[in-house]
Structure formats: C-alpha cells, structure tokens
Amino acid sequence: MTGTRWWWVRHAPVTVNNGRLYGCSDPECDVGDREAFMALSRILPDDAVWVTSHLHRAKATAASILEHRPATPAIIEEPAFGEQNFGAWQGETYEDVRRMAEPGRHRFWYCRADYRPPEGETFLEVRQRVGTAMTKLSAEVQARDVVVVAHGGPIRAALSHTVGIDPDVALAIRIDNLSVTMMIENAGKGAGGDWRLIWVNRPPTELRE
C-alpha cells in the first residue's frame, strides 16, 4: 500500500563560508532567490507535515518557502536530519580538507562512507540516524506528505536508506541548493523494495503544478 510521501529540500546557498568546509556548523544562508521560493511553495504539497534540521540555514529556508503560503504550519525540528559532523575539518579550506582526507579518499566526496574525520562522524552514522528518524516519523504520520528542509548529506543518506543505494555510491549523487528529492513509501508483496524514488535533485525552476 502507498505510505508516507517524503519531499526533501536542500537549504538555500551558504555564501559566507569563504571557501571553507562548514559541515554541521551554523552559518547564515542566502534566501534572496524569491522566484525559487515561490516555485517551491507552489509544488510542495498542502497539508504536509513540515520538518527541518536544527540548523539555522534549514529553518530559514523553510520560513522563506512558507512566506508564500497563506498559513504557516507547525514545524518539527529534528536534529537527526542535521548535516554530517566533519569534526576538525570544519573551518578548513576545501583544498586542505581533500589533502587531510587522502587516507579515506572518495572520488566524488571528501571521504569514504566509512571514514571518520577527526572528532567527527562517518556517513554511515548519518545514514543510520536519518533512517531511524524516517522510520519513526513515517509510523507517526501514517501515509501523509512530509516536507523536510535539510542538507545534502542527509538527503543522500535518505536515498541510501530507502532504495538501498550503496552508501559510497550515494555520496556521488549531486544535491543542489533548493533542489527537491521525492520518494514514496510503498510497502507490499513482490520484488522491488518498499520505496519508490520519484525525483532526485530537481531544481525548483523546473517544477510546475
């Protein structure tokens, strides 16, 4: 049967990091793209459960989308949907991070899914916390739409968790700012798993009613 429909939105761009990895730190984001927020408001479902991570950039993005709605719903703040903690790498330049990550090198990301940055967490741990929170919330809301405004890492983790993408392969998936990734829980008999993937990294300007 058809279950919960998950709409993931990556937060608005961070432009104040000066070429440095920000990870789970909390810089401001740029919410000036009014056209994109209007497009997101049009396409995201009415009467959805709204969730953000605990980080300001996710909450500010959600607020900017909801400015174009007649009513603002209650928003659940879920720390499990926060960005990966890159530990001691945060605040370093991207060039220096790639050098420090060489022992855990990944072709398309900072490091492998199982590699732990100093004082940080692995992507496998992100996948675990995201999957646990999704399972819990799906059971609580029972077949409703859920809009989650979060981060690139947790969105890749959700893709890996739901449709079984290998975690290291999931790290190769591009997730742009303000893009929409959508998946539907569809448990039942037969091959194919319990989730159907509808969109990945759809830019808001492509989305129309």
C-alpha atoms as a PDB file:
ATOM      1  CA  MET A   1       0.000   0.000   0.000  1.00  0.00           C
ATOM      2  CA  THR A   2       1.062   3.600  -0.505  1.00  0.00           C
ATOM      3  CA  GLY A   3       2.513   5.167   2.610  1.00  0.00           C
ATOM      4  CA  THR A   4       4.346   8.331   3.547  1.00  0.00           C
ATOM      5  CA  ARG A   5       5.487  10.667   0.776  1.00  0.00           C
ATOM      6  CA  TRP A   6       8.787  12.371   1.583  1.00  0.00           C
ATOM      7  CA  TRP A   7       9.741  15.678  -0.040  1.00  0.00           C
ATOM      8  CA  TRP A   8      13.338  16.654   0.736  1.00  0.00           C
ATOM      9  CA  VAL A   9      14.556  20.204   0.048  1.00  0.00           C
ATOM     10  CA  ARG A  10      18.185  21.185   0.441  1.00  0.00           C
ATOM     11  CA  HIS A  11      18.686  24.527   2.192  1.00  0.00           C
ATOM     12  CA  ALA A  12      19.461  27.823   0.436  1.00  0.00           C
ATOM     13  CA  PRO A  13      23.102  28.524  -0.501  1.00  0.00           C
ATOM     14  CA  VAL A  14      25.698  29.414   2.101  1.00  0.00           C
ATOM     15  CA  THR A  15      27.854  32.237   0.722  1.00  0.00           C
ATOM     16  CA  VAL A  16      29.716  33.404   3.831  1.00  0.00           C
ATOM     17  CA  ASN A  17      31.999  30.409   4.321  1.00  0.00           C
ATOM     18  CA  ASN A  18      34.882  31.864   2.243  1.00  0.00           C
ATOM     19  CA  GLY A  19      35.738  28.565   0.587  1.00  0.00           C
ATOM     20  CA  ARG A  20      35.824  26.641   3.853  1.00  0.00           C
ATOM     21  CA  LEU A  21      34.001  23.477   4.844  1.00  0.00           C
ATOM     22  CA  TYR A  22      31.125  24.293   7.188  1.00  0.00           C
ATOM     23  CA  GLY A  23      29.552  20.853   7.749  1.00  0.00           C
ATOM     24  CA  CYS A  24      27.371  20.846  10.871  1.00  0.00           C
ATOM     25  CA  SER A  25      28.355  24.370  11.928  1.00  0.00           C
ATOM     26  CA  ASP A  26      25.680  27.040  11.611  1.00  0.00           C
ATOM     27  CA  PRO A  27      26.432  29.819   9.090  1.00  0.00           C
ATOM     28  CA  GLU A  28      23.743  32.031   7.581  1.00  0.00           C
ATOM     29  CA  CYS A  29      22.303  31.196   4.159  1.00  0.00           C
ATOM     30  CA  ASP A  30      21.233  33.443   1.278  1.00  0.00           C
ATOM     31  CA  VAL A  31      17.430  33.491   0.978  1.00  0.00           C
ATOM     32  CA  GLY A  32      17.274  36.148  -1.731  1.00  0.00           C
ATOM     33  CA  ASP A  33      16.047  33.941  -4.605  1.00  0.00           C
ATOM     34  CA  ARG A  34      12.366  34.854  -4.403  1.00  0.00           C
ATOM     35  CA  GLU A  35      11.462  33.068  -7.648  1.00  0.00           C
ATOM     36  CA  ALA A  36      12.861  29.778  -6.365  1.00  0.00           C
ATOM     37  CA  PHE A  37      10.966  30.047  -3.078  1.00  0.00           C
ATOM     38  CA  MET A  38       7.734  30.834  -4.901  1.00  0.00           C
ATOM     39  CA  ALA A  39       8.247  27.789  -7.133  1.00  0.00           C
ATOM     40  CA  LEU A  40       8.874  25.577  -4.112  1.00  0.00           C
ATOM     41  CA  SER A  41       5.752  26.918  -2.424  1.00  0.00           C
ATOM     42  CA  ARG A  42       3.680  26.019  -5.480  1.00  0.00           C
ATOM     43  CA  ILE A  43       4.950  22.469  -5.866  1.00  0.00           C
ATOM     44  CA  LEU A  44       5.235  21.296  -2.267  1.00  0.00           C
ATOM     45  CA  PRO A  45       2.027  19.667  -1.032  1.00  0.00           C
ATOM     46  CA  ASP A  46      -0.647  21.317   1.060  1.00  0.00           C
ATOM     47  CA  ASP A  47      -1.440  19.843   4.476  1.00  0.00           C
ATOM     48  CA  ALA A  48       2.035  18.339   4.807  1.00  0.00           C
ATOM     49  CA  VAL A  49       3.977  17.695   7.967  1.00  0.00           C
ATOM     50  CA  TRP A  50       6.921  20.131   7.925  1.00  0.00           C
ATOM     51  CA  VAL A  51      10.287  19.190   9.380  1.00  0.00           C
ATOM     52  CA  THR A  52      13.654  20.934   9.461  1.00  0.00           C
ATOM     53  CA  SER A  53      17.011  20.118  10.930  1.00  0.00           C
ATOM     54  CA  HIS A  54      18.112  22.074  13.987  1.00  0.00           C
ATOM     55  CA  LEU A  55      20.421  24.304  11.912  1.00  0.00           C
ATOM     56  CA  HIS A  56      19.552  27.900  11.060  1.00  0.00           C
ATOM     57  CA  ARG A  57      20.011  27.535   7.299  1.00  0.00           C
ATOM     58  CA  ALA A  58      17.348  24.811   7.151  1.00  0.00           C
ATOM     59  CA  LYS A  59      14.915  26.768   9.321  1.00  0.00           C
ATOM     60  CA  ALA A  60      15.470  29.997   7.355  1.00  0.00           C
ATOM     61  CA  THR A  61      14.867  28.171   4.076  1.00  0.00           C
ATOM     62  CA  ALA A  62      11.613  26.665   5.333  1.00  0.00           C
ATOM     63  CA  ALA A  63      10.451  30.077   6.549  1.00  0.00           C
ATOM     64  CA  SER A  64      11.223  31.624   3.147  1.00  0.00           C
ATOM     65  CA  ILE A  65       9.147  28.971   1.369  1.00  0.00           C
ATOM     66  CA  LEU A  66       6.250  29.355   3.783  1.00  0.00           C
ATOM     67  CA  GLU A  67       6.197  33.141   3.306  1.00  0.00           C
ATOM     68  CA  HIS A  68       4.376  32.365   0.062  1.00  0.00           C
ATOM     69  CA  ARG A  69       1.693  30.277   1.775  1.00  0.00           C
ATOM     70  CA  PRO A  70      -1.485  31.668   3.372  1.00  0.00           C
ATOM     71  CA  ALA A  71      -0.829  29.808   6.622  1.00  0.00           C
ATOM     72  CA  THR A  72       2.302  28.646   8.406  1.00  0.00           C
ATOM     73  CA  PRO A  73       2.145  25.117   9.824  1.00  0.00           C
ATOM     74  CA  ALA A  74       3.831  23.935  12.974  1.00  0.00           C
ATOM     75  CA  ILE A  75       7.367  22.824  12.145  1.00  0.00           C
ATOM     76  CA  ILE A  76       9.095  19.853  13.744  1.00  0.00           C
ATOM     77  CA  GLU A  77      12.790  20.392  14.465  1.00  0.00           C
ATOM     78  CA  GLU A  78      14.675  17.105  14.021  1.00  0.00           C
ATOM     79  CA  PRO A  79      18.412  17.094  14.853  1.00  0.00           C
ATOM     80  CA  ALA A  80      18.769  13.662  13.218  1.00  0.00           C
ATOM     81  CA  PHE A  81      18.372  15.429   9.874  1.00  0.00           C
ATOM     82  CA  GLY A  82      21.355  17.718  10.542  1.00  0.00           C
ATOM     83  CA  GLU A  83      24.414  17.770   8.301  1.00  0.00           C
ATOM     84  CA  GLN A  84      27.339  15.400   8.821  1.00  0.00           C
ATOM     85  CA  ASN A  85      29.776  16.401  11.541  1.00  0.00           C
ATOM     86  CA  PHE A  86      33.159  16.733   9.856  1.00  0.00           C
ATOM     87  CA  GLY A  87      34.889  17.437  13.156  1.00  0.00           C
ATOM     88  CA  ALA A  88      38.334  19.014  12.912  1.00  0.00           C
ATOM     89  CA  TRP A  89      37.958  19.536   9.160  1.00  0.00           C
ATOM     90  CA  GLN A  90      35.248  22.153   9.641  1.00  0.00           C
ATOM     91  CA  GLY A  91      36.599  25.645   9.071  1.00  0.00           C
ATOM     92  CA  GLU A  92      39.436  24.381   6.873  1.00  0.00           C
ATOM     93  CA  THR A  93      39.665  25.210   3.174  1.00  0.00           C
ATOM     94  CA  TYR A  94      38.274  22.628   0.779  1.00  0.00           C
ATOM     95  CA  GLU A  95      41.767  22.152  -0.645  1.00  0.00           C
ATOM     96  CA  ASP A  96      43.184  21.382   2.796  1.00  0.00           C
ATOM     97  CA  VAL A  97      40.279  19.048   3.594  1.00  0.00           C
ATOM     98  CA  ARG A  98      40.959  16.991   0.479  1.00  0.00           C
ATOM     99  CA  ARG A  99      44.594  16.723   1.490  1.00  0.00           C
ATOM    100  CA  MET A 100      43.736  15.674   5.051  1.00  0.00           C
ATOM    101  CA  ALA A 101      41.142  13.191   3.773  1.00  0.00           C
ATOM    102  CA  GLU A 102      43.584  11.406   1.464  1.00  0.00           C
ATOM    103  CA  PRO A 103      43.661   8.184   3.587  1.00  0.00           C
ATOM    104  CA  GLY A 104      39.886   7.862   3.123  1.00  0.00           C
ATOM    105  CA  ARG A 105      39.770   9.211  -0.401  1.00  0.00           C
ATOM    106  CA  HIS A 106      36.467   9.158  -2.312  1.00  0.00           C
ATOM    107  CA  ARG A 107      36.302  10.169  -5.963  1.00  0.00           C
ATOM    108  CA  PHE A 108      33.313  12.486  -5.597  1.00  0.00           C
ATOM    109  CA  TRP A 109      33.193  13.437  -1.914  1.00  0.00           C
ATOM    110  CA  TYR A 110      35.543  14.367   0.890  1.00  0.00           C
ATOM    111  CA  CYS A 111      35.974  10.796   2.109  1.00  0.00           C
ATOM    112  CA  ARG A 112      34.523   7.284   2.014  1.00  0.00           C
ATOM    113  CA  ALA A 113      31.271   6.487   3.781  1.00  0.00           C
ATOM    114  CA  ASP A 114      33.085   4.504   6.480  1.00  0.00           C
ATOM    115  CA  TYR A 115      35.871   7.045   7.069  1.00  0.00           C
ATOM    116  CA  ARG A 116      35.664   9.143  10.227  1.00  0.00           C
ATOM    117  CA  PRO A 117      37.043  12.687  10.144  1.00  0.00           C
ATOM    118  CA  PRO A 118      38.956  13.542  13.334  1.00  0.00           C
ATOM    119  CA  GLU A 119      36.391  14.352  16.057  1.00  0.00           C
ATOM    120  CA  GLY A 120      33.586  13.842  13.532  1.00  0.00           C
ATOM    121  CA  GLU A 121      31.188  11.162  12.319  1.00  0.00           C
ATOM    122  CA  THR A 122      31.058   8.814   9.340  1.00  0.00           C
ATOM    123  CA  PHE A 123      28.479   8.999   6.579  1.00  0.00           C
ATOM    124  CA  LEU A 124      27.364   5.533   7.686  1.00  0.00           C
ATOM    125  CA  GLU A 125      26.400   7.072  11.022  1.00  0.00           C
ATOM    126  CA  VAL A 126      24.492   9.824   9.228  1.00  0.00           C
ATOM    127  CA  ARG A 127      22.649   7.154   7.234  1.00  0.00           C
ATOM    128  CA  GLN A 128      21.750   5.314  10.432  1.00  0.00           C
ATOM    129  CA  ARG A 129      20.354   8.356  12.245  1.00  0.00           C
ATOM    130  CA  VAL A 130      18.447   9.578   9.190  1.00  0.00           C
ATOM    131  CA  GLY A 131      16.953   6.139   8.555  1.00  0.00           C
ATOM    132  CA  THR A 132      15.913   5.726  12.185  1.00  0.00           C
ATOM    133  CA  ALA A 133      14.221   9.138  12.230  1.00  0.00           C
ATOM    134  CA  MET A 134      12.437   8.467   8.923  1.00  0.00           C
ATOM    135  CA  THR A 135      11.087   5.134  10.159  1.00  0.00           C
ATOM    136  CA  LYS A 136       9.834   6.714  13.378  1.00  0.00           C
ATOM    137  CA  LEU A 137       8.182   9.675  11.680  1.00  0.00           C
ATOM    138  CA  SER A 138       6.587   7.528   8.944  1.00  0.00           C
ATOM    139  CA  ALA A 139       4.930   5.440  11.654  1.00  0.00           C
ATOM    140  CA  GLU A 140       3.700   8.556  13.463  1.00  0.00           C
ATOM    141  CA  VAL A 141       2.205  10.418  10.490  1.00  0.00           C
ATOM    142  CA  GLN A 142       0.758   7.361   8.697  1.00  0.00           C
ATOM    143  CA  ALA A 143       0.691   7.956   4.944  1.00  0.00           C
ATOM    144  CA  ARG A 144       0.830  11.762   4.903  1.00  0.00           C
ATOM    145  CA  ASP A 145       3.138  14.069   2.978  1.00  0.00           C
ATOM    146  CA  VAL A 146       6.294  15.068   4.836  1.00  0.00           C
ATOM    147  CA  VAL A 147       8.388  18.065   3.728  1.00  0.00           C
ATOM    148  CA  VAL A 148      11.913  18.022   5.144  1.00  0.00           C
ATOM    149  CA  VAL A 149      14.216  21.014   4.701  1.00  0.00           C
ATOM    150  CA  ALA A 150      17.682  19.704   5.405  1.00  0.00           C
ATOM    151  CA  HIS A 151      21.155  19.230   3.927  1.00  0.00           C
ATOM    152  CA  GLY A 152      22.963  17.409   1.151  1.00  0.00           C
ATOM    153  CA  GLY A 153      24.397  14.699   3.395  1.00  0.00           C
ATOM    154  CA  PRO A 154      21.100  13.657   4.999  1.00  0.00           C
ATOM    155  CA  ILE A 155      19.343  13.697   1.618  1.00  0.00           C
ATOM    156  CA  ARG A 156      21.964  11.312   0.215  1.00  0.00           C
ATOM    157  CA  ALA A 157      21.562   9.249   3.383  1.00  0.00           C
ATOM    158  CA  ALA A 158      17.793   9.104   2.828  1.00  0.00           C
ATOM    159  CA  LEU A 159      18.354   7.881  -0.735  1.00  0.00           C
ATOM    160  CA  SER A 160      20.696   5.173   0.510  1.00  0.00           C
ATOM    161  CA  HIS A 161      18.305   4.147   3.294  1.00  0.00           C
ATOM    162  CA  THR A 162      15.129   3.998   1.230  1.00  0.00           C
ATOM    163  CA  VAL A 163      16.120   2.473  -2.103  1.00  0.00           C
ATOM    164  CA  GLY A 164      19.218   0.613  -0.995  1.00  0.00           C
ATOM    165  CA  ILE A 165      21.868   2.648  -2.778  1.00  0.00           C
ATOM    166  CA  ASP A 166      25.345   1.693  -1.615  1.00  0.00           C
ATOM    167  CA  PRO A 167      26.497   4.458   0.769  1.00  0.00           C
ATOM    168  CA  ASP A 168      29.662   5.189  -1.203  1.00  0.00           C
ATOM    169  CA  VAL A 169      27.608   5.396  -4.400  1.00  0.00           C
ATOM    170  CA  ALA A 170      25.121   7.700  -2.667  1.00  0.00           C
ATOM    171  CA  LEU A 171      27.979  10.102  -1.939  1.00  0.00           C
ATOM    172  CA  ALA A 172      28.414  10.541  -5.702  1.00  0.00           C
ATOM    173  CA  ILE A 173      24.861  11.916  -6.091  1.00  0.00           C
ATOM    174  CA  ARG A 174      24.673  15.661  -6.643  1.00  0.00           C
ATOM    175  CA  ILE A 175      22.186  17.515  -4.436  1.00  0.00           C
ATOM    176  CA  ASP A 176      21.951  21.226  -5.268  1.00  0.00           C
ATOM    177  CA  ASN A 177      20.722  24.004  -3.011  1.00  0.00           C
ATOM    178  CA  LEU A 178      16.923  24.381  -3.102  1.00  0.00           C
ATOM    179  CA  SER A 179      16.519  21.196  -5.149  1.00  0.00           C
ATOM    180  CA  VAL A 180      13.734  18.712  -4.409  1.00  0.00           C
ATOM    181  CA  THR A 181      14.199  14.973  -3.932  1.00  0.00           C
ATOM    182  CA  MET A 182      10.995  12.989  -3.505  1.00  0.00           C
ATOM    183  CA  MET A 183      10.309   9.363  -2.541  1.00  0.00           C
ATOM    184  CA  ILE A 184       7.205   7.375  -1.641  1.00  0.00           C
ATOM    185  CA  GLU A 185       6.916   4.527   0.822  1.00  0.00           C
ATOM    186  CA  ASN A 186       5.049   1.707  -0.943  1.00  0.00           C
ATOM    187  CA  ALA A 187       5.249  -1.456   1.132  1.00  0.00           C
ATOM    188  CA  GLY A 188       3.806  -4.635  -0.331  1.00  0.00           C
ATOM    189  CA  LYS A 189       4.473  -8.051  -1.798  1.00  0.00           C
ATOM    190  CA  GLY A 190       6.843  -8.710  -4.678  1.00  0.00           C
ATOM    191  CA  ALA A 191      10.258  -7.582  -5.789  1.00  0.00           C
ATOM    192  CA  GLY A 192      11.449  -4.002  -5.839  1.00  0.00           C
ATOM    193  CA  GLY A 193      11.591  -2.969  -2.201  1.00  0.00           C
ATOM    194  CA  ASP A 194       9.307  -0.769  -0.128  1.00  0.00           C
ATOM    195  CA  TRP A 195      10.191   2.633  -1.584  1.00  0.00           C
ATOM    196  CA  ARG A 196       9.718   4.294  -4.954  1.00  0.00           C
ATOM    197  CA  LEU A 197      12.043   7.112  -5.984  1.00  0.00           C
ATOM    198  CA  ILE A 198      10.254   9.897  -7.896  1.00  0.00           C
ATOM    199  CA  TRP A 199      12.669  12.848  -8.124  1.00  0.00           C
ATOM    200  CA  VAL A 200      16.311  13.439  -7.350  1.00  0.00           C
ATOM    201  CA  ASN A 201      17.869  16.921  -7.330  1.00  0.00           C
ATOM    202  CA  ARG A 202      15.042  18.632  -9.238  1.00  0.00           C
ATOM    203  CA  PRO A 203      15.683  22.392  -9.378  1.00  0.00           C
ATOM    204  CA  PRO A 204      12.691  24.487  -8.306  1.00  0.00           C
ATOM    205  CA  THR A 205      12.552  26.349 -11.621  1.00  0.00           C
ATOM    206  CA  GLU A 206      11.732  23.033 -13.355  1.00  0.00           C
ATOM    207  CA  LEU A 207       8.847  22.245 -11.029  1.00  0.00           C
ATOM    208  CA  ARG A 208       5.370  23.227 -12.106  1.00  0.00           C
ATOM    209  CA  GLU A 209       1.908  22.351 -10.896  1.00  0.00           C
END
